[in-house]
Amino acid sequence: MGVSVGYAPPTYPTGMDIFYFGTYSADEKRSETQADLWLKVTAFWAVNFASKLKPGITPAEMKTVTVAGVDTLYFEAPAPRPGVIWRQWVFVKDGKAFFIVSTLDGDDTKSLSDVQTMIKSFRVTSQQ
Protein backbone atom coordinates (compact mmCIF):
# COMPACT_ATOMS: atom_id res chain seq x y z
CA MET A 1 0.00 0.00 0.00
CA GLY A 2 2.51 2.63 -1.02
CA VAL A 3 4.28 3.90 2.08
CA SER A 4 2.61 1.73 4.70
CA VAL A 5 2.20 -1.88 5.76
CA GLY A 6 -0.60 -2.93 8.10
CA TYR A 7 -0.84 -6.00 10.31
CA ALA A 8 -4.14 -6.88 11.96
CA PRO A 9 -5.36 -10.04 13.63
CA PRO A 10 -8.43 -11.48 11.87
CA THR A 11 -10.64 -10.72 14.88
CA TYR A 12 -9.59 -7.09 15.32
CA PRO A 13 -9.84 -4.16 12.90
CA THR A 14 -6.41 -2.70 13.72
CA GLY A 15 -3.20 -4.24 15.01
CA MET A 16 -0.13 -2.37 13.82
CA ASP A 17 0.65 -0.05 10.92
CA ILE A 18 4.11 0.88 9.68
CA PHE A 19 4.56 4.08 7.70
CA TYR A 20 7.69 5.09 5.81
CA PHE A 21 8.19 8.88 5.81
CA GLY A 22 11.04 9.24 3.36
CA THR A 23 14.81 9.48 3.43
CA TYR A 24 16.65 12.38 5.05
CA SER A 25 20.23 13.60 4.73
CA ALA A 26 22.00 16.69 6.03
CA ASP A 27 23.22 19.36 3.64
CA GLU A 28 27.02 19.20 3.56
CA LYS A 29 27.16 23.02 3.51
CA ARG A 30 25.49 23.30 6.91
CA SER A 31 27.08 22.47 10.23
CA GLU A 32 24.24 20.11 11.15
CA THR A 33 25.30 16.48 11.30
CA GLN A 34 23.25 13.59 9.98
CA ALA A 35 22.60 12.42 13.53
CA ASP A 36 21.34 15.87 14.58
CA LEU A 37 19.01 16.02 11.59
CA TRP A 38 17.66 12.56 12.24
CA LEU A 39 16.88 13.49 15.86
CA LYS A 40 14.99 16.57 14.64
CA VAL A 41 13.04 14.51 12.10
CA THR A 42 12.17 11.93 14.75
CA ALA A 43 10.98 14.63 17.15
CA PHE A 44 8.96 16.38 14.43
CA TRP A 45 7.02 13.30 13.37
CA ALA A 46 6.58 12.01 16.93
CA VAL A 47 5.06 15.31 18.08
CA ASN A 48 3.04 15.64 14.87
CA PHE A 49 1.10 12.45 15.61
CA ALA A 50 1.07 12.51 19.42
CA SER A 51 -0.23 16.08 19.55
CA LYS A 52 -3.52 14.90 18.09
CA LEU A 53 -4.06 12.95 21.32
CA LYS A 54 -2.18 15.24 23.70
CA PRO A 55 -1.99 18.82 22.41
CA GLY A 56 1.22 20.62 23.35
CA ILE A 57 3.22 17.44 23.97
CA THR A 58 6.99 17.68 23.63
CA PRO A 59 9.58 15.01 22.83
CA ALA A 60 10.82 15.28 26.43
CA GLU A 61 7.46 13.89 27.60
CA MET A 62 7.91 10.74 25.49
CA LYS A 63 9.90 7.67 26.41
CA THR A 64 13.07 6.83 24.52
CA VAL A 65 13.25 3.15 23.57
CA THR A 66 15.36 1.23 21.08
CA VAL A 67 13.95 -0.05 17.78
CA ALA A 68 16.18 -1.37 15.01
CA GLY A 69 19.21 -0.36 17.07
CA VAL A 70 18.37 3.36 17.24
CA ASP A 71 16.79 5.71 19.77
CA THR A 72 13.06 5.86 19.17
CA LEU A 73 10.45 8.18 20.63
CA TYR A 74 7.60 6.15 22.12
CA PHE A 75 4.24 7.59 23.11
CA GLU A 76 1.15 5.94 24.58
CA ALA A 77 -2.27 7.43 25.35
CA PRO A 78 -5.96 6.61 25.34
CA ALA A 79 -7.25 6.62 21.75
CA PRO A 80 -10.40 8.49 20.72
CA ARG A 81 -12.30 5.19 20.77
CA PRO A 82 -13.17 4.23 24.38
CA GLY A 83 -11.07 1.46 25.89
CA VAL A 84 -8.45 1.56 23.13
CA ILE A 85 -4.79 2.50 23.69
CA TRP A 86 -2.77 4.36 21.04
CA ARG A 87 0.92 3.43 20.94
CA GLN A 88 3.43 4.97 18.57
CA TRP A 89 7.12 4.55 17.81
CA VAL A 90 8.96 7.09 15.65
CA PHE A 91 12.58 6.82 14.55
CA VAL A 92 15.09 7.40 11.76
CA LYS A 93 17.44 4.57 10.85
CA ASP A 94 20.13 5.13 8.19
CA GLY A 95 18.28 8.24 7.07
CA LYS A 96 14.94 6.43 6.65
CA ALA A 97 12.08 7.74 8.82
CA PHE A 98 9.45 5.36 10.21
CA PHE A 99 6.24 5.81 12.16
CA ILE A 100 4.73 2.69 13.72
CA VAL A 101 1.34 2.86 15.39
CA SER A 102 -0.73 0.27 17.21
CA THR A 103 -4.26 0.70 18.54
CA LEU A 104 -5.47 -2.14 20.73
CA ASP A 105 -8.04 -2.65 23.44
CA GLY A 106 -6.45 -1.80 26.76
CA ASP A 107 -6.93 -5.35 28.07
CA ASP A 108 -5.68 -7.11 24.91
CA THR A 109 -2.39 -8.33 26.37
CA LYS A 110 -1.98 -11.12 23.79
CA SER A 111 -2.06 -8.78 20.79
CA LEU A 112 0.12 -6.26 22.65
CA SER A 113 2.70 -8.99 23.24
CA ASP A 114 2.59 -9.82 19.51
CA VAL A 115 3.05 -6.15 18.58
CA GLN A 116 5.98 -5.80 20.98
CA THR A 117 7.59 -8.89 19.42
CA MET A 118 7.16 -7.41 15.94
CA ILE A 119 8.64 -4.09 17.11
CA LYS A 120 11.68 -5.90 18.53
CA SER A 121 12.17 -7.75 15.26
CA PHE A 122 11.91 -4.64 13.05
CA ARG A 123 14.92 -4.22 10.75
CA VAL A 124 15.82 -1.62 8.14
CA THR A 125 17.62 -2.90 5.10
CA SER A 126 19.04 -0.92 2.23
CA GLN A 127 18.16 -1.69 -1.36
CA GLN A 128 20.99 -2.04 -3.80
C-alpha atoms as a PDB file:
ATOM      1  CA  MET A   1       0.000   0.000   0.000  1.00  0.00           C
ATOM      2  CA  GLY A   2       2.512   2.627  -1.016  1.00  0.00           C
ATOM      3  CA  VAL A   3       4.277   3.905   2.077  1.00  0.00           C
ATOM      4  CA  SER A   4       2.609   1.726   4.698  1.00  0.00           C
ATOM      5  CA  VAL A   5       2.196  -1.878   5.756  1.00  0.00           C
ATOM      6  CA  GLY A   6      -0.600  -2.929   8.097  1.00  0.00           C
ATOM      7  CA  TYR A   7      -0.835  -5.999  10.309  1.00  0.00           C
ATOM      8  CA  ALA A   8      -4.144  -6.885  11.958  1.00  0.00           C
ATOM      9  CA  PRO A   9      -5.358 -10.044  13.631  1.00  0.00           C
ATOM     10  CA  PRO A  10      -8.426 -11.481  11.872  1.00  0.00           C
ATOM     11  CA  THR A  11     -10.645 -10.720  14.879  1.00  0.00           C
ATOM     12  CA  TYR A  12      -9.589  -7.094  15.324  1.00  0.00           C
ATOM     13  CA  PRO A  13      -9.839  -4.165  12.897  1.00  0.00           C
ATOM     14  CA  THR A  14      -6.411  -2.699  13.722  1.00  0.00           C
ATOM     15  CA  GLY A  15      -3.198  -4.238  15.012  1.00  0.00           C
ATOM     16  CA  MET A  16      -0.130  -2.367  13.816  1.00  0.00           C
ATOM     17  CA  ASP A  17       0.651  -0.051  10.920  1.00  0.00           C
ATOM     18  CA  ILE A  18       4.114   0.877   9.680  1.00  0.00           C
ATOM     19  CA  PHE A  19       4.559   4.083   7.697  1.00  0.00           C
ATOM     20  CA  TYR A  20       7.689   5.090   5.815  1.00  0.00           C
ATOM     21  CA  PHE A  21       8.190   8.876   5.810  1.00  0.00           C
ATOM     22  CA  GLY A  22      11.042   9.240   3.357  1.00  0.00           C
ATOM     23  CA  THR A  23      14.806   9.482   3.427  1.00  0.00           C
ATOM     24  CA  TYR A  24      16.651  12.385   5.045  1.00  0.00           C
ATOM     25  CA  SER A  25      20.232  13.600   4.732  1.00  0.00           C
ATOM     26  CA  ALA A  26      22.001  16.687   6.028  1.00  0.00           C
ATOM     27  CA  ASP A  27      23.218  19.365   3.641  1.00  0.00           C
ATOM     28  CA  GLU A  28      27.018  19.201   3.556  1.00  0.00           C
ATOM     29  CA  LYS A  29      27.164  23.016   3.506  1.00  0.00           C
ATOM     30  CA  ARG A  30      25.488  23.297   6.908  1.00  0.00           C
ATOM     31  CA  SER A  31      27.081  22.472  10.230  1.00  0.00           C
ATOM     32  CA  GLU A  32      24.236  20.112  11.151  1.00  0.00           C
ATOM     33  CA  THR A  33      25.297  16.478  11.303  1.00  0.00           C
ATOM     34  CA  GLN A  34      23.255  13.591   9.976  1.00  0.00           C
ATOM     35  CA  ALA A  35      22.603  12.425  13.531  1.00  0.00           C
ATOM     36  CA  ASP A  36      21.342  15.874  14.580  1.00  0.00           C
ATOM     37  CA  LEU A  37      19.012  16.019  11.593  1.00  0.00           C
ATOM     38  CA  TRP A  38      17.663  12.556  12.242  1.00  0.00           C
ATOM     39  CA  LEU A  39      16.883  13.485  15.857  1.00  0.00           C
ATOM     40  CA  LYS A  40      14.985  16.568  14.642  1.00  0.00           C
ATOM     41  CA  VAL A  41      13.043  14.508  12.102  1.00  0.00           C
ATOM     42  CA  THR A  42      12.174  11.928  14.749  1.00  0.00           C
ATOM     43  CA  ALA A  43      10.984  14.629  17.151  1.00  0.00           C
ATOM     44  CA  PHE A  44       8.965  16.381  14.428  1.00  0.00           C
ATOM     45  CA  TRP A  45       7.017  13.298  13.370  1.00  0.00           C
ATOM     46  CA  ALA A  46       6.576  12.014  16.932  1.00  0.00           C
ATOM     47  CA  VAL A  47       5.065  15.310  18.076  1.00  0.00           C
ATOM     48  CA  ASN A  48       3.037  15.638  14.870  1.00  0.00           C
ATOM     49  CA  PHE A  49       1.102  12.453  15.613  1.00  0.00           C
ATOM     50  CA  ALA A  50       1.066  12.508  19.418  1.00  0.00           C
ATOM     51  CA  SER A  51      -0.227  16.077  19.546  1.00  0.00           C
ATOM     52  CA  LYS A  52      -3.523  14.901  18.095  1.00  0.00           C
ATOM     53  CA  LEU A  53      -4.056  12.954  21.318  1.00  0.00           C
ATOM     54  CA  LYS A  54      -2.180  15.242  23.704  1.00  0.00           C
ATOM     55  CA  PRO A  55      -1.986  18.822  22.408  1.00  0.00           C
ATOM     56  CA  GLY A  56       1.221  20.621  23.352  1.00  0.00           C
ATOM     57  CA  ILE A  57       3.224  17.438  23.969  1.00  0.00           C
ATOM     58  CA  THR A  58       6.993  17.684  23.632  1.00  0.00           C
ATOM     59  CA  PRO A  59       9.578  15.013  22.832  1.00  0.00           C
ATOM     60  CA  ALA A  60      10.824  15.279  26.426  1.00  0.00           C
ATOM     61  CA  GLU A  61       7.464  13.892  27.597  1.00  0.00           C
ATOM     62  CA  MET A  62       7.907  10.744  25.492  1.00  0.00           C
ATOM     63  CA  LYS A  63       9.903   7.675  26.406  1.00  0.00           C
ATOM     64  CA  THR A  64      13.072   6.829  24.525  1.00  0.00           C
ATOM     65  CA  VAL A  65      13.247   3.151  23.573  1.00  0.00           C
ATOM     66  CA  THR A  66      15.358   1.226  21.079  1.00  0.00           C
ATOM     67  CA  VAL A  67      13.948  -0.045  17.784  1.00  0.00           C
ATOM     68  CA  ALA A  68      16.180  -1.374  15.006  1.00  0.00           C
ATOM     69  CA  GLY A  69      19.208  -0.364  17.071  1.00  0.00           C
ATOM     70  CA  VAL A  70      18.372   3.359  17.242  1.00  0.00           C
ATOM     71  CA  ASP A  71      16.789   5.706  19.773  1.00  0.00           C
ATOM     72  CA  THR A  72      13.065   5.858  19.170  1.00  0.00           C
ATOM     73  CA  LEU A  73      10.449   8.185  20.625  1.00  0.00           C
ATOM     74  CA  TYR A  74       7.600   6.151  22.118  1.00  0.00           C
ATOM     75  CA  PHE A  75       4.237   7.588  23.106  1.00  0.00           C
ATOM     76  CA  GLU A  76       1.153   5.944  24.579  1.00  0.00           C
ATOM     77  CA  ALA A  77      -2.269   7.430  25.348  1.00  0.00           C
ATOM     78  CA  PRO A  78      -5.964   6.608  25.335  1.00  0.00           C
ATOM     79  CA  ALA A  79      -7.249   6.619  21.751  1.00  0.00           C
ATOM     80  CA  PRO A  80     -10.398   8.487  20.719  1.00  0.00           C
ATOM     81  CA  ARG A  81     -12.296   5.186  20.767  1.00  0.00           C
ATOM     82  CA  PRO A  82     -13.174   4.230  24.380  1.00  0.00           C
ATOM     83  CA  GLY A  83     -11.069   1.458  25.893  1.00  0.00           C
ATOM     84  CA  VAL A  84      -8.449   1.564  23.134  1.00  0.00           C
ATOM     85  CA  ILE A  85      -4.793   2.495  23.691  1.00  0.00           C
ATOM     86  CA  TRP A  86      -2.766   4.355  21.043  1.00  0.00           C
ATOM     87  CA  ARG A  87       0.923   3.429  20.943  1.00  0.00           C
ATOM     88  CA  GLN A  88       3.433   4.970  18.569  1.00  0.00           C
ATOM     89  CA  TRP A  89       7.117   4.550  17.814  1.00  0.00           C
ATOM     90  CA  VAL A  90       8.963   7.093  15.650  1.00  0.00           C
ATOM     91  CA  PHE A  91      12.583   6.816  14.549  1.00  0.00           C
ATOM     92  CA  VAL A  92      15.091   7.400  11.764  1.00  0.00           C
ATOM     93  CA  LYS A  93      17.442   4.574  10.845  1.00  0.00           C
ATOM     94  CA  ASP A  94      20.131   5.127   8.194  1.00  0.00           C
ATOM     95  CA  GLY A  95      18.278   8.236   7.067  1.00  0.00           C
ATOM     96  CA  LYS A  96      14.945   6.434   6.648  1.00  0.00           C
ATOM     97  CA  ALA A  97      12.075   7.744   8.816  1.00  0.00           C
ATOM     98  CA  PHE A  98       9.450   5.364  10.206  1.00  0.00           C
ATOM     99  CA  PHE A  99       6.242   5.811  12.164  1.00  0.00           C
ATOM    100  CA  ILE A 100       4.735   2.691  13.717  1.00  0.00           C
ATOM    101  CA  VAL A 101       1.338   2.857  15.389  1.00  0.00           C
ATOM    102  CA  SER A 102      -0.729   0.275  17.209  1.00  0.00           C
ATOM    103  CA  THR A 103      -4.259   0.696  18.538  1.00  0.00           C
ATOM    104  CA  LEU A 104      -5.470  -2.142  20.727  1.00  0.00           C
ATOM    105  CA  ASP A 105      -8.040  -2.647  23.442  1.00  0.00           C
ATOM    106  CA  GLY A 106      -6.446  -1.805  26.764  1.00  0.00           C
ATOM    107  CA  ASP A 107      -6.934  -5.348  28.068  1.00  0.00           C
ATOM    108  CA  ASP A 108      -5.678  -7.115  24.914  1.00  0.00           C
ATOM    109  CA  THR A 109      -2.386  -8.335  26.369  1.00  0.00           C
ATOM    110  CA  LYS A 110      -1.980 -11.120  23.789  1.00  0.00           C
ATOM    111  CA  SER A 111      -2.057  -8.777  20.789  1.00  0.00           C
ATOM    112  CA  LEU A 112       0.124  -6.260  22.649  1.00  0.00           C
ATOM    113  CA  SER A 113       2.695  -8.995  23.236  1.00  0.00           C
ATOM    114  CA  ASP A 114       2.594  -9.822  19.513  1.00  0.00           C
ATOM    115  CA  VAL A 115       3.047  -6.145  18.577  1.00  0.00           C
ATOM    116  CA  GLN A 116       5.981  -5.802  20.979  1.00  0.00           C
ATOM    117  CA  THR A 117       7.595  -8.893  19.423  1.00  0.00           C
ATOM    118  CA  MET A 118       7.160  -7.414  15.938  1.00  0.00           C
ATOM    119  CA  ILE A 119       8.636  -4.091  17.109  1.00  0.00           C
ATOM    120  CA  LYS A 120      11.679  -5.905  18.530  1.00  0.00           C
ATOM    121  CA  SER A 121      12.173  -7.748  15.255  1.00  0.00           C
ATOM    122  CA  PHE A 122      11.910  -4.638  13.045  1.00  0.00           C
ATOM    123  CA  ARG A 123      14.921  -4.223  10.750  1.00  0.00           C
ATOM    124  CA  VAL A 124      15.821  -1.623   8.143  1.00  0.00           C
ATOM    125  CA  THR A 125      17.621  -2.899   5.097  1.00  0.00           C
ATOM    126  CA  SER A 126      19.040  -0.924   2.232  1.00  0.00           C
ATOM    127  CA  GLN A 127      18.162  -1.689  -1.356  1.00  0.00           C
ATOM    128  CA  GLN A 128      20.995  -2.038  -3.803  1.00  0.00           C
END
